[in-house]
Structure formats: C-alpha cells, structure tokens
C-alpha cells in the first residue's frame, strides 16, 4: 500500500445515502477503511 492508501484506511465514512450506486461511488473514490450506517434496521439496508 502507498502512504496515501494507508491514510485513507484510517477513516470511516458515515453513509447517509444507502443506494448501491452511492456506496460504490464512495468506496471507489475514497477507499475508506469502513463505511458506517446510522440508525437503520437490517431490513432498511
């Protein structure tokens, strides 16, 4: 991993838009260490 990739792994993005397109866009653009969903049940996700 490059230094830039290592730094990106330190961040956890808070997702407000749960569409597959939005999730894919964030994952491909920012390469975060994790994505977090706020106050949603499993059925809503």
N, C-alpha and C. Protein backbone atom coordinates (compact mmCIF):
# COMPACT_ATOMS: atom_id res chain seq x y z
N UNK A 1 0.83 -1.19 0.00
CA UNK A 1 0.00 0.00 0.00
C UNK A 1 0.88 1.25 0.00
N UNK A 2 0.40 2.24 -0.72
CA UNK A 2 1.11 3.52 -0.70
C UNK A 2 0.78 4.24 0.61
N UNK A 3 1.54 5.28 0.92
CA UNK A 3 1.25 6.07 2.12
C UNK A 3 -0.16 6.66 2.04
N UNK A 4 -0.56 7.12 0.85
CA UNK A 4 -1.90 7.70 0.69
C UNK A 4 -2.99 6.65 0.98
N UNK A 5 -2.80 5.44 0.49
CA UNK A 5 -3.77 4.37 0.75
C UNK A 5 -3.84 4.03 2.23
N UNK A 6 -2.72 4.03 2.89
CA UNK A 6 -2.68 3.74 4.32
C UNK A 6 -3.45 4.79 5.12
N UNK A 7 -3.29 6.06 4.76
CA UNK A 7 -4.00 7.14 5.44
C UNK A 7 -5.50 6.99 5.24
N UNK A 8 -5.92 6.67 4.02
CA UNK A 8 -7.35 6.51 3.74
C UNK A 8 -7.97 5.40 4.59
N UNK A 9 -7.20 4.39 4.92
CA UNK A 9 -7.71 3.28 5.73
C UNK A 9 -8.02 3.70 7.16
N UNK A 10 -7.56 4.85 7.58
CA UNK A 10 -7.82 5.35 8.93
C UNK A 10 -9.23 5.92 9.09
N UNK A 11 -9.91 6.19 7.98
CA UNK A 11 -11.20 6.87 8.02
C UNK A 11 -12.37 5.92 7.88
N UNK A 12 -13.45 6.27 8.58
CA UNK A 12 -14.72 5.55 8.47
C UNK A 12 -15.75 6.56 8.00
N UNK A 13 -16.33 6.33 6.84
CA UNK A 13 -17.32 7.25 6.28
C UNK A 13 -18.70 6.97 6.86
N UNK A 14 -19.43 8.03 7.19
CA UNK A 14 -20.82 7.92 7.63
C UNK A 14 -21.69 8.03 6.39
N UNK A 15 -22.41 6.97 6.07
CA UNK A 15 -23.25 6.96 4.88
C UNK A 15 -24.65 7.46 5.21
N UNK A 16 -25.13 8.41 4.42
CA UNK A 16 -26.49 8.92 4.56
C UNK A 16 -27.37 8.46 3.41
N UNK A 17 -26.75 8.15 2.28
CA UNK A 17 -27.46 7.64 1.11
C UNK A 17 -27.12 6.15 1.01
N UNK A 18 -28.13 5.31 1.08
CA UNK A 18 -27.91 3.86 1.15
C UNK A 18 -28.06 3.15 -0.19
N UNK A 19 -28.13 3.91 -1.26
CA UNK A 19 -28.28 3.28 -2.57
C UNK A 19 -26.95 2.60 -2.96
N UNK A 20 -27.05 1.47 -3.67
CA UNK A 20 -25.81 0.79 -4.09
C UNK A 20 -24.88 1.69 -4.90
N UNK A 21 -25.47 2.58 -5.70
CA UNK A 21 -24.65 3.48 -6.51
C UNK A 21 -23.83 4.43 -5.63
N UNK A 22 -24.47 4.96 -4.60
CA UNK A 22 -23.79 5.88 -3.69
C UNK A 22 -22.67 5.18 -2.92
N UNK A 23 -22.96 3.99 -2.44
CA UNK A 23 -21.96 3.22 -1.70
C UNK A 23 -20.77 2.91 -2.60
N UNK A 24 -21.05 2.48 -3.81
CA UNK A 24 -19.98 2.16 -4.76
C UNK A 24 -19.14 3.40 -5.07
N UNK A 25 -19.80 4.54 -5.25
CA UNK A 25 -19.10 5.79 -5.57
C UNK A 25 -18.13 6.18 -4.46
N UNK A 26 -18.59 6.13 -3.21
CA UNK A 26 -17.74 6.48 -2.07
C UNK A 26 -16.58 5.49 -1.94
N UNK A 27 -16.88 4.21 -2.07
CA UNK A 27 -15.84 3.19 -1.92
C UNK A 27 -14.77 3.32 -3.00
N UNK A 28 -15.19 3.59 -4.23
CA UNK A 28 -14.23 3.69 -5.33
C UNK A 28 -13.44 5.01 -5.29
N UNK A 29 -14.09 6.08 -4.84
CA UNK A 29 -13.41 7.38 -4.83
C UNK A 29 -12.47 7.56 -3.64
N UNK A 30 -12.93 7.16 -2.44
CA UNK A 30 -12.17 7.45 -1.23
C UNK A 30 -11.45 6.25 -0.62
N UNK A 31 -11.84 5.03 -0.95
CA UNK A 31 -11.23 3.82 -0.42
C UNK A 31 -11.12 3.86 1.11
N UNK A 32 -12.25 4.12 1.80
CA UNK A 32 -12.19 4.22 3.26
C UNK A 32 -11.96 2.85 3.90
N UNK A 33 -11.52 2.87 5.15
CA UNK A 33 -11.32 1.64 5.89
C UNK A 33 -12.62 0.94 6.21
N UNK A 34 -13.70 1.71 6.30
CA UNK A 34 -15.02 1.15 6.61
C UNK A 34 -16.10 2.15 6.22
N UNK A 35 -17.32 1.66 6.13
CA UNK A 35 -18.49 2.52 5.90
C UNK A 35 -19.44 2.29 7.06
N UNK A 36 -20.03 3.35 7.57
CA UNK A 36 -20.91 3.26 8.73
C UNK A 36 -22.32 3.68 8.34
N UNK A 37 -23.29 2.92 8.80
CA UNK A 37 -24.69 3.23 8.56
C UNK A 37 -25.30 3.69 9.87
N UNK A 38 -26.08 4.75 9.83
CA UNK A 38 -26.62 5.34 11.05
C UNK A 38 -28.10 5.02 11.22
N UNK A 39 -28.43 4.40 12.34
CA UNK A 39 -29.82 4.15 12.75
C UNK A 39 -30.71 3.55 11.68
N UNK A 40 -30.28 2.47 11.10
CA UNK A 40 -31.09 1.76 10.12
C UNK A 40 -31.19 0.30 10.55
N UNK A 41 -32.37 -0.26 10.38
CA UNK A 41 -32.52 -1.68 10.68
C UNK A 41 -31.95 -2.49 9.52
N UNK A 42 -31.75 -3.78 9.72
CA UNK A 42 -31.22 -4.64 8.67
C UNK A 42 -32.15 -4.66 7.46
N UNK A 43 -33.44 -4.59 7.69
CA UNK A 43 -34.40 -4.61 6.59
C UNK A 43 -34.30 -3.35 5.73
N UNK A 44 -34.04 -2.20 6.36
CA UNK A 44 -33.94 -0.95 5.63
C UNK A 44 -32.67 -0.86 4.79
N UNK A 45 -31.63 -1.58 5.21
CA UNK A 45 -30.38 -1.57 4.46
C UNK A 45 -30.48 -2.53 3.31
